[in-house]
């Protein structure tokens, strides 16, 4: 599956990161990399991020639960 990250910086300074094709916690790792790159350009993101997780973010947890049963 192709991995895609969309970065939208709105006029009010809000930054929206949309991750497609990432499974489990991989999107969190990529998010940190992107925030580091943005900071190099002088864009400092407040760590009070609102996250809306997609079902793919829970794949690892589901597998772990299945193994326990």
C-alpha atoms as a PDB file:
ATOM      1  CA  UNK A   1       0.000   0.000   0.000  1.00  0.00           C
ATOM      2  CA  UNK A   2       1.207   3.489  -0.838  1.00  0.00           C
ATOM      3  CA  UNK A   3       1.907   5.799   2.078  1.00  0.00           C
ATOM      4  CA  UNK A   4       0.778   9.404   1.719  1.00  0.00           C
ATOM      5  CA  UNK A   5       1.021  12.366   4.085  1.00  0.00           C
ATOM      6  CA  UNK A   6      -0.925  15.536   3.400  1.00  0.00           C
ATOM      7  CA  UNK A   7       0.151  18.680   5.227  1.00  0.00           C
ATOM      8  CA  UNK A   8      -2.273  21.582   5.249  1.00  0.00           C
ATOM      9  CA  UNK A   9      -1.334  24.867   6.893  1.00  0.00           C
ATOM     10  CA  UNK A  10      -4.438  27.000   7.236  1.00  0.00           C
ATOM     11  CA  UNK A  11      -4.527  30.793   7.235  1.00  0.00           C
ATOM     12  CA  UNK A  12      -5.115  30.830  10.998  1.00  0.00           C
ATOM     13  CA  UNK A  13      -1.919  28.820  11.525  1.00  0.00           C
ATOM     14  CA  UNK A  14      -3.655  25.516  12.201  1.00  0.00           C
ATOM     15  CA  UNK A  15      -1.735  22.568  10.796  1.00  0.00           C
ATOM     16  CA  UNK A  16      -3.569  19.464   9.636  1.00  0.00           C
ATOM     17  CA  UNK A  17      -1.618  16.267   8.995  1.00  0.00           C
ATOM     18  CA  UNK A  18      -3.470  13.475   7.213  1.00  0.00           C
ATOM     19  CA  UNK A  19      -1.799  10.062   7.013  1.00  0.00           C
ATOM     20  CA  UNK A  20      -2.946   7.386   4.559  1.00  0.00           C
ATOM     21  CA  UNK A  21      -1.477   3.910   4.257  1.00  0.00           C
ATOM     22  CA  UNK A  22       0.221   3.851   7.666  1.00  0.00           C
ATOM     23  CA  UNK A  23      -0.441   0.954  10.024  1.00  0.00           C
ATOM     24  CA  UNK A  24      -0.244   1.036  13.793  1.00  0.00           C
ATOM     25  CA  UNK A  25       2.016   3.613  15.406  1.00  0.00           C
ATOM     26  CA  UNK A  26       3.999   4.315  12.226  1.00  0.00           C
ATOM     27  CA  UNK A  27       2.022   7.511  11.666  1.00  0.00           C
ATOM     28  CA  UNK A  28       3.178   8.867  15.040  1.00  0.00           C
ATOM     29  CA  UNK A  29       6.820   8.339  14.088  1.00  0.00           C
ATOM     30  CA  UNK A  30       6.287  10.105  10.779  1.00  0.00           C
ATOM     31  CA  UNK A  31       4.416  12.920  12.505  1.00  0.00           C
ATOM     32  CA  UNK A  32       7.432  13.627  14.705  1.00  0.00           C
ATOM     33  CA  UNK A  33       9.713  13.694  11.661  1.00  0.00           C
ATOM     34  CA  UNK A  34       7.403  16.147   9.887  1.00  0.00           C
ATOM     35  CA  UNK A  35       7.164  18.422  12.928  1.00  0.00           C
ATOM     36  CA  UNK A  36      10.971  18.460  13.117  1.00  0.00           C
ATOM     37  CA  UNK A  37      11.223  19.439   9.444  1.00  0.00           C
ATOM     38  CA  UNK A  38       8.623  22.181   9.896  1.00  0.00           C
ATOM     39  CA  UNK A  39      10.578  23.561  12.868  1.00  0.00           C
ATOM     40  CA  UNK A  40      13.663  23.883  10.643  1.00  0.00           C
ATOM     41  CA  UNK A  41      11.609  26.281   8.506  1.00  0.00           C
ATOM     42  CA  UNK A  42      10.609  28.295  11.555  1.00  0.00           C
ATOM     43  CA  UNK A  43       7.183  26.703  11.897  1.00  0.00           C
ATOM     44  CA  UNK A  44       6.890  25.750  15.544  1.00  0.00           C
ATOM     45  CA  UNK A  45       3.879  23.593  16.265  1.00  0.00           C
ATOM     46  CA  UNK A  46       2.180  23.708  19.641  1.00  0.00           C
ATOM     47  CA  UNK A  47       2.287  20.200  21.086  1.00  0.00           C
ATOM     48  CA  UNK A  48      -1.381  20.475  22.067  1.00  0.00           C
ATOM     49  CA  UNK A  49      -2.441  18.558  19.006  1.00  0.00           C
ATOM     50  CA  UNK A  50      -5.920  17.254  18.496  1.00  0.00           C
ATOM     51  CA  UNK A  51      -5.694  13.796  17.001  1.00  0.00           C
ATOM     52  CA  UNK A  52      -8.339  11.991  15.061  1.00  0.00           C
ATOM     53  CA  UNK A  53      -7.108   8.455  14.667  1.00  0.00           C
ATOM     54  CA  UNK A  54      -8.106   6.288  11.754  1.00  0.00           C
ATOM     55  CA  UNK A  55      -8.864   2.588  12.270  1.00  0.00           C
ATOM     56  CA  UNK A  56      -5.425   1.693  10.869  1.00  0.00           C
ATOM     57  CA  UNK A  57      -3.830   3.205  13.978  1.00  0.00           C
ATOM     58  CA  UNK A  58      -5.312   0.401  16.070  1.00  0.00           C
ATOM     59  CA  UNK A  59      -4.204  -2.562  13.934  1.00  0.00           C
ATOM     60  CA  UNK A  60      -1.344  -3.516  16.274  1.00  0.00           C
ATOM     61  CA  UNK A  61      -3.610  -3.371  19.318  1.00  0.00           C
ATOM     62  CA  UNK A  62      -6.223  -5.568  17.626  1.00  0.00           C
ATOM     63  CA  UNK A  63      -3.598  -8.150  16.685  1.00  0.00           C
ATOM     64  CA  UNK A  64      -2.283  -8.163  20.250  1.00  0.00           C
ATOM     65  CA  UNK A  65      -5.783  -8.722  21.633  1.00  0.00           C
ATOM     66  CA  UNK A  66      -6.402 -11.569  19.179  1.00  0.00           C
ATOM     67  CA  UNK A  67      -3.174 -13.272  20.251  1.00  0.00           C
ATOM     68  CA  UNK A  68      -4.192 -13.095  23.913  1.00  0.00           C
ATOM     69  CA  UNK A  69      -7.508 -14.849  23.271  1.00  0.00           C
END
